[in-house]
Amino acid sequence: MHRIAGWWDGLELWVAGLPFIPQFIVVLAVMVPVSCAIAWLLDRVLISVLHLLGRANPDSTTTPDRTGRLP
């Protein structure tokens, strides 16, 4: 665990030492794909859990109609 923590600290220091524009580009190049992957994974897990609980289909009484109003 200490090796991983040491590696992570070194990476943080390297990114923090970059000038602003390269730092911004590196953070975006890593964080946008990682955030999208985490969101996709959480979506799949939540869909599976709701399916197991029998709540996979939305309740029609709380679904807005075409005009956007609730029935």
PDB file of N, CA and C in Angstrom:
ATOM      1  N   MET A   1       0.816  -1.182   0.000  1.00  0.00           N
ATOM      2  CA  MET A   1       0.000   0.000   0.000  1.00  0.00           C
ATOM      3  C   MET A   1       0.867   1.256   0.000  1.00  0.00           C
ATOM      4  N   HIS A   2       2.019   1.167   0.682  1.00  0.00           N
ATOM      5  CA  HIS A   2       2.909   2.323   0.728  1.00  0.00           C
ATOM      6  C   HIS A   2       3.469   2.644  -0.657  1.00  0.00           C
ATOM      7  N   ARG A   3       3.683   1.615  -1.472  1.00  0.00           N
ATOM      8  CA  ARG A   3       4.176   1.851  -2.836  1.00  0.00           C
ATOM      9  C   ARG A   3       3.144   2.600  -3.662  1.00  0.00           C
ATOM     10  N   ILE A   4       1.881   2.195  -3.539  1.00  0.00           N
ATOM     11  CA  ILE A   4       0.819   2.868  -4.291  1.00  0.00           C
ATOM     12  C   ILE A   4       0.680   4.306  -3.817  1.00  0.00           C
ATOM     13  N   ALA A   5       0.712   4.516  -2.496  1.00  0.00           N
ATOM     14  CA  ALA A   5       0.604   5.869  -1.950  1.00  0.00           C
ATOM     15  C   ALA A   5       1.785   6.726  -2.395  1.00  0.00           C
ATOM     16  N   GLY A   6       2.977   6.148  -2.398  1.00  0.00           N
ATOM     17  CA  GLY A   6       4.152   6.884  -2.850  1.00  0.00           C
ATOM     18  C   GLY A   6       4.077   7.238  -4.324  1.00  0.00           C
ATOM     19  N   TRP A   7       3.604   6.295  -5.131  1.00  0.00           N
ATOM     20  CA  TRP A   7       3.448   6.554  -6.560  1.00  0.00           C
ATOM     21  C   TRP A   7       2.420   7.658  -6.786  1.00  0.00           C
ATOM     22  N   TRP A   8       1.301   7.579  -6.061  1.00  0.00           N
ATOM     23  CA  TRP A   8       0.243   8.580  -6.220  1.00  0.00           C
ATOM     24  C   TRP A   8       0.733   9.964  -5.790  1.00  0.00           C
ATOM     25  N   ASP A   9       1.468  10.042  -4.689  1.00  0.00           N
ATOM     26  CA  ASP A   9       2.013  11.320  -4.235  1.00  0.00           C
ATOM     27  C   ASP A   9       2.966  11.904  -5.272  1.00  0.00           C
ATOM     28  N   GLY A  10       3.801  11.051  -5.864  1.00  0.00           N
ATOM     29  CA  GLY A  10       4.710  11.519  -6.900  1.00  0.00           C
ATOM     30  C   GLY A  10       3.971  12.040  -8.116  1.00  0.00           C
ATOM     31  N   LEU A  11       2.915  11.346  -8.497  1.00  0.00           N
ATOM     32  CA  LEU A  11       2.110  11.786  -9.636  1.00  0.00           C
ATOM     33  C   LEU A  11       1.443  13.128  -9.345  1.00  0.00           C
ATOM     34  N   GLU A  12       0.890  13.276  -8.145  1.00  0.00           N
ATOM     35  CA  GLU A  12       0.262  14.544  -7.774  1.00  0.00           C
ATOM     36  C   GLU A  12       1.266  15.686  -7.797  1.00  0.00           C
ATOM     37  N   LEU A  13       2.461  15.432  -7.264  1.00  0.00           N
ATOM     38  CA  LEU A  13       3.484  16.474  -7.262  1.00  0.00           C
ATOM     39  C   LEU A  13       3.920  16.827  -8.677  1.00  0.00           C
ATOM     40  N   TRP A  14       4.004  15.831  -9.549  1.00  0.00           N
ATOM     41  CA  TRP A  14       4.375  16.093 -10.933  1.00  0.00           C
ATOM     42  C   TRP A  14       3.323  16.960 -11.614  1.00  0.00           C
ATOM     43  N   VAL A  15       2.043  16.613 -11.441  1.00  0.00           N
ATOM     44  CA  VAL A  15       0.972  17.394 -12.068  1.00  0.00           C
ATOM     45  C   VAL A  15       0.928  18.799 -11.472  1.00  0.00           C
ATOM     46  N   ALA A  16       1.070  18.911 -10.156  1.00  0.00           N
ATOM     47  CA  ALA A  16       1.024  20.223  -9.509  1.00  0.00           C
ATOM     48  C   ALA A  16       2.195  21.102  -9.933  1.00  0.00           C
ATOM     49  N   GLY A  17       3.300  20.493 -10.334  1.00  0.00           N
ATOM     50  CA  GLY A  17       4.461  21.257 -10.753  1.00  0.00           C
ATOM     51  C   GLY A  17       4.409  21.739 -12.189  1.00  0.00           C
ATOM     52  N   LEU A  18       3.443  21.257 -12.954  1.00  0.00           N
ATOM     53  CA  LEU A  18       3.317  21.693 -14.341  1.00  0.00           C
ATOM     54  C   LEU A  18       2.761  23.104 -14.409  1.00  0.00           C
ATOM     55  N   PRO A  19       3.083  23.846 -15.476  1.00  0.00           N
ATOM     56  CA  PRO A  19       2.417  25.132 -15.686  1.00  0.00           C
ATOM     57  C   PRO A  19       0.911  24.913 -15.886  1.00  0.00           C
ATOM     58  N   PHE A  20       0.136  26.003 -15.794  1.00  0.00           N
ATOM     59  CA  PHE A  20      -1.317  25.881 -15.768  1.00  0.00           C
ATOM     60  C   PHE A  20      -1.890  25.179 -16.993  1.00  0.00           C
ATOM     61  N   ILE A  21      -1.515  25.590 -18.195  1.00  0.00           N
ATOM     62  CA  ILE A  21      -2.123  25.027 -19.410  1.00  0.00           C
ATOM     63  C   ILE A  21      -1.820  23.532 -19.544  1.00  0.00           C
ATOM     64  N   PRO A  22      -0.567  23.092 -19.436  1.00  0.00           N
ATOM     65  CA  PRO A  22      -0.330  21.642 -19.494  1.00  0.00           C
ATOM     66  C   PRO A  22      -1.026  20.886 -18.354  1.00  0.00           C
ATOM     67  N   GLN A  23      -1.075  21.484 -17.163  1.00  0.00           N
ATOM     68  CA  GLN A  23      -1.767  20.851 -16.043  1.00  0.00           C
ATOM     69  C   GLN A  23      -3.249  20.682 -16.372  1.00  0.00           C
ATOM     70  N   PHE A  24      -3.860  21.709 -16.931  1.00  0.00           N
ATOM     71  CA  PHE A  24      -5.269  21.676 -17.320  1.00  0.00           C
ATOM     72  C   PHE A  24      -5.511  20.581 -18.355  1.00  0.00           C
ATOM     73  N   ILE A  25      -4.638  20.487 -19.346  1.00  0.00           N
ATOM     74  CA  ILE A  25      -4.787  19.485 -20.410  1.00  0.00           C
ATOM     75  C   ILE A  25      -4.629  18.072 -19.850  1.00  0.00           C
ATOM     76  N   VAL A  26      -3.635  17.862 -18.995  1.00  0.00           N
ATOM     77  CA  VAL A  26      -3.415  16.530 -18.415  1.00  0.00           C
ATOM     78  C   VAL A  26      -4.602  16.118 -17.552  1.00  0.00           C
ATOM     79  N   VAL A  27      -5.095  17.033 -16.724  1.00  0.00           N
ATOM     80  CA  VAL A  27      -6.232  16.711 -15.858  1.00  0.00           C
ATOM     81  C   VAL A  27      -7.464  16.399 -16.697  1.00  0.00           C
ATOM     82  N   LEU A  28      -7.738  17.183 -17.732  1.00  0.00           N
ATOM     83  CA  LEU A  28      -8.897  16.912 -18.589  1.00  0.00           C
ATOM     84  C   LEU A  28      -8.745  15.599 -19.342  1.00  0.00           C
ATOM     85  N   ALA A  29      -7.544  15.334 -19.832  1.00  0.00           N
ATOM     86  CA  ALA A  29      -7.328  14.108 -20.607  1.00  0.00           C
ATOM     87  C   ALA A  29      -7.530  12.864 -19.750  1.00  0.00           C
ATOM     88  N   VAL A  30      -7.311  12.979 -18.450  1.00  0.00           N
ATOM     89  CA  VAL A  30      -7.476  11.832 -17.559  1.00  0.00           C
ATOM     90  C   VAL A  30      -8.847  11.846 -16.895  1.00  0.00           C
ATOM     91  N   MET A  31      -9.262  12.982 -16.373  1.00  0.00           N
ATOM     92  CA  MET A  31     -10.478  13.032 -15.556  1.00  0.00           C
ATOM     93  C   MET A  31     -11.764  12.870 -16.355  1.00  0.00           C
ATOM     94  N   VAL A  32     -11.831  13.390 -17.556  1.00  0.00           N
ATOM     95  CA  VAL A  32     -13.065  13.250 -18.340  1.00  0.00           C
ATOM     96  C   VAL A  32     -13.344  11.780 -18.665  1.00  0.00           C
ATOM     97  N   PRO A  33     -12.399  11.022 -19.221  1.00  0.00           N
ATOM     98  CA  PRO A  33     -12.687   9.603 -19.471  1.00  0.00           C
ATOM     99  C   PRO A  33     -12.934   8.799 -18.189  1.00  0.00           C
ATOM    100  N   VAL A  34     -12.176   9.076 -17.131  1.00  0.00           N
ATOM    101  CA  VAL A  34     -12.370   8.347 -15.877  1.00  0.00           C
ATOM    102  C   VAL A  34     -13.744   8.651 -15.292  1.00  0.00           C
ATOM    103  N   SER A  35     -14.151   9.918 -15.313  1.00  0.00           N
ATOM    104  CA  SER A  35     -15.471  10.293 -14.796  1.00  0.00           C
ATOM    105  C   SER A  35     -16.586   9.654 -15.609  1.00  0.00           C
ATOM    106  N   CYS A  36     -16.438   9.625 -16.919  1.00  0.00           N
ATOM    107  CA  CYS A  36     -17.447   8.977 -17.772  1.00  0.00           C
ATOM    108  C   CYS A  36     -17.520   7.479 -17.483  1.00  0.00           C
ATOM    109  N   ALA A  37     -16.383   6.845 -17.291  1.00  0.00           N
ATOM    110  CA  ALA A  37     -16.371   5.409 -16.991  1.00  0.00           C
ATOM    111  C   ALA A  37     -17.025   5.122 -15.642  1.00  0.00           C
ATOM    112  N   ILE A  38     -16.758   5.948 -14.643  1.00  0.00           N
ATOM    113  CA  ILE A  38     -17.376   5.760 -13.327  1.00  0.00           C
ATOM    114  C   ILE A  38     -18.879   5.971 -13.413  1.00  0.00           C
ATOM    115  N   ALA A  39     -19.323   6.999 -14.148  1.00  0.00           N
ATOM    116  CA  ALA A  39     -20.759   7.250 -14.302  1.00  0.00           C
ATOM    117  C   ALA A  39     -21.436   6.085 -15.014  1.00  0.00           C
ATOM    118  N   TRP A  40     -20.808   5.549 -16.058  1.00  0.00           N
ATOM    119  CA  TRP A  40     -21.379   4.412 -16.787  1.00  0.00           C
ATOM    120  C   TRP A  40     -21.485   3.196 -15.873  1.00  0.00           C
ATOM    121  N   LEU A  41     -20.424   2.945 -15.100  1.00  0.00           N
ATOM    122  CA  LEU A  41     -20.419   1.804 -14.190  1.00  0.00           C
ATOM    123  C   LEU A  41     -21.504   1.941 -13.120  1.00  0.00           C
ATOM    124  N   LEU A  42     -21.635   3.118 -12.531  1.00  0.00           N
ATOM    125  CA  LEU A  42     -22.681   3.335 -11.530  1.00  0.00           C
ATOM    126  C   LEU A  42     -24.070   3.178 -12.133  1.00  0.00           C
ATOM    127  N   ASP A  43     -24.249   3.623 -13.372  1.00  0.00           N
ATOM    128  CA  ASP A  43     -25.533   3.468 -14.051  1.00  0.00           C
ATOM    129  C   ASP A  43     -25.873   1.995 -14.217  1.00  0.00           C
ATOM    130  N   ARG A  44     -24.906   1.195 -14.657  1.00  0.00           N
ATOM    131  CA  ARG A  44     -25.143  -0.236 -14.845  1.00  0.00           C
ATOM    132  C   ARG A  44     -25.452  -0.931 -13.520  1.00  0.00           C
ATOM    133  N   VAL A  45     -24.729  -0.573 -12.467  1.00  0.00           N
ATOM    134  CA  VAL A  45     -24.971  -1.172 -11.153  1.00  0.00           C
ATOM    135  C   VAL A  45     -26.361  -0.801 -10.658  1.00  0.00           C
ATOM    136  N   LEU A  46     -26.743   0.459 -10.793  1.00  0.00           N
ATOM    137  CA  LEU A  46     -28.060   0.896 -10.334  1.00  0.00           C
ATOM    138  C   LEU A  46     -29.179   0.226 -11.122  1.00  0.00           C
ATOM    139  N   ILE A  47     -29.014   0.090 -12.428  1.00  0.00           N
ATOM    140  CA  ILE A  47     -30.019  -0.604 -13.244  1.00  0.00           C
ATOM    141  C   ILE A  47     -30.161  -2.050 -12.777  1.00  0.00           C
ATOM    142  N   SER A  48     -29.049  -2.719 -12.506  1.00  0.00           N
ATOM    143  CA  SER A  48     -29.099  -4.114 -12.043  1.00  0.00           C
ATOM    144  C   SER A  48     -29.789  -4.229 -10.690  1.00  0.00           C
ATOM    145  N   VAL A  49     -29.460  -3.332  -9.773  1.00  0.00           N
ATOM    146  CA  VAL A  49     -30.077  -3.369  -8.443  1.00  0.00           C
ATOM    147  C   VAL A  49     -31.571  -3.105  -8.543  1.00  0.00           C
ATOM    148  N   LEU A  50     -31.974  -2.115  -9.329  1.00  0.00           N
ATOM    149  CA  LEU A  50     -33.397  -1.818  -9.482  1.00  0.00           C
ATOM    150  C   LEU A  50     -34.132  -2.976 -10.149  1.00  0.00           C
ATOM    151  N   HIS A  51     -33.468  -3.632 -11.088  1.00  0.00           N
ATOM    152  CA  HIS A  51     -34.083  -4.791 -11.736  1.00  0.00           C
ATOM    153  C   HIS A  51     -34.296  -5.924 -10.725  1.00  0.00           C
ATOM    154  N   LEU A  52     -33.308  -6.156  -9.873  1.00  0.00           N
ATOM    155  CA  LEU A  52     -33.440  -7.196  -8.847  1.00  0.00           C
ATOM    156  C   LEU A  52     -34.545  -6.869  -7.841  1.00  0.00           C
ATOM    157  N   LEU A  53     -34.758  -5.586  -7.584  1.00  0.00           N
ATOM    158  CA  LEU A  53     -35.790  -5.172  -6.636  1.00  0.00           C
ATOM    159  C   LEU A  53     -37.169  -5.067  -7.280  1.00  0.00           C
ATOM    160  N   GLY A  54     -37.245  -5.329  -8.587  1.00  0.00           N
ATOM    161  CA  GLY A  54     -38.521  -5.249  -9.280  1.00  0.00           C
ATOM    162  C   GLY A  54     -38.950  -3.833  -9.592  1.00  0.00           C
ATOM    163  N   ARG A  55     -38.007  -2.907  -9.620  1.00  0.00           N
ATOM    164  CA  ARG A  55     -38.314  -1.507  -9.882  1.00  0.00           C
ATOM    165  C   ARG A  55     -37.699  -1.040 -11.199  1.00  0.00           C
ATOM    166  N   ALA A  56     -37.564  -1.950 -12.148  1.00  0.00           N
ATOM    167  CA  ALA A  56     -36.887  -1.621 -13.402  1.00  0.00           C
ATOM    168  C   ALA A  56     -37.703  -0.670 -14.266  1.00  0.00           C
ATOM    169  N   ASN A  57     -39.022  -0.793 -14.247  1.00  0.00           N
ATOM    170  CA  ASN A  57     -39.873   0.062 -15.074  1.00  0.00           C
ATOM    171  C   ASN A  57     -40.380   1.235 -14.250  1.00  0.00           C
ATOM    172  N   PRO A  58     -40.383   2.446 -14.835  1.00  0.00           N
ATOM    173  CA  PRO A  58     -40.859   3.611 -14.087  1.00  0.00           C
ATOM    174  C   PRO A  58     -42.359   3.520 -13.825  1.00  0.00           C
ATOM    175  N   ASP A  59     -42.783   4.085 -12.743  1.00  0.00           N
ATOM    176  CA  ASP A  59     -44.196   4.128 -12.380  1.00  0.00           C
ATOM    177  C   ASP A  59     -44.901   5.134 -13.287  1.00  0.00           C
ATOM    178  N   SER A  60     -45.979   4.721 -13.925  1.00  0.00           N
ATOM    179  CA  SER A  60     -46.661   5.593 -14.886  1.00  0.00           C
ATOM    180  C   SER A  60     -47.322   6.784 -14.214  1.00  0.00           C
ATOM    181  N   THR A  61     -47.573   6.726 -12.913  1.00  0.00           N
ATOM    182  CA  THR A  61     -48.207   7.863 -12.244  1.00  0.00           C
ATOM    183  C   THR A  61     -47.222   8.987 -11.973  1.00  0.00           C
ATOM    184  N   THR A  62     -45.936   8.715 -12.056  1.00  0.00           N
ATOM    185  CA  THR A  62     -44.943   9.762 -11.824  1.00  0.00           C
ATOM    186  C   THR A  62     -44.186  10.128 -13.088  1.00  0.00           C
ATOM    187  N   THR A  63     -44.611   9.593 -14.231  1.00  0.00           N
ATOM    188  CA  THR A  63     -43.961   9.895 -15.492  1.00  0.00           C
ATOM    189  C   THR A  63     -44.713  11.025 -16.184  1.00  0.00           C
ATOM    190  N   PRO A  64     -44.023  12.102 -16.569  1.00  0.00           N
ATOM    191  CA  PRO A  64     -44.715  13.199 -17.237  1.00  0.00           C
ATOM    192  C   PRO A  64     -45.249  12.767 -18.601  1.00  0.00           C
ATOM    193  N   ASP A  65     -46.329  13.395 -19.024  1.00  0.00           N
ATOM    194  CA  ASP A  65     -46.865  13.103 -20.354  1.00  0.00           C
ATOM    195  C   ASP A  65     -46.095  13.915 -21.392  1.00  0.00           C
ATOM    196  N   ARG A  66     -46.594  13.955 -22.628  1.00  0.00           N
ATOM    197  CA  ARG A  66     -45.875  14.645 -23.704  1.00  0.00           C
ATOM    198  C   ARG A  66     -45.726  16.136 -23.449  1.00  0.00           C
ATOM    199  N   THR A  67     -46.644  16.722 -22.702  1.00  0.00           N
ATOM    200  CA  THR A  67     -46.566  18.158 -22.425  1.00  0.00           C
ATOM    201  C   THR A  67     -45.641  18.466 -21.262  1.00  0.00           C
ATOM    202  N   GLY A  68     -45.175  17.442 -20.559  1.00  0.00           N
ATOM    203  CA  GLY A  68     -44.279  17.642 -19.434  1.00  0.00           C
ATOM    204  C   GLY A  68     -44.996  17.717 -18.101  1.00  0.00           C
ATOM    205  N   ARG A  69     -46.316  17.553 -18.111  1.00  0.00           N
ATOM    206  CA  ARG A  69     -47.097  17.607 -16.871  1.00  0.00           C
ATOM    207  C   ARG A  69     -47.290  16.207 -16.309  1.00  0.00           C
ATOM    208  N   LEU A  70     -47.344  16.144 -14.994  1.00  0.00           N
ATOM    209  CA  LEU A  70     -47.642  14.871 -14.334  1.00  0.00           C
ATOM    210  C   LEU A  70     -49.142  14.628 -14.376  1.00  0.00           C
ATOM    211  N   PRO A  71     -49.566  13.374 -14.528  1.00  0.00           N
ATOM    212  CA  PRO A  71     -51.010  13.098 -14.571  1.00  0.00           C
ATOM    213  C   PRO A  71     -51.686  13.352 -13.238  1.00  0.00           C
TER     214      PRO A  71
END
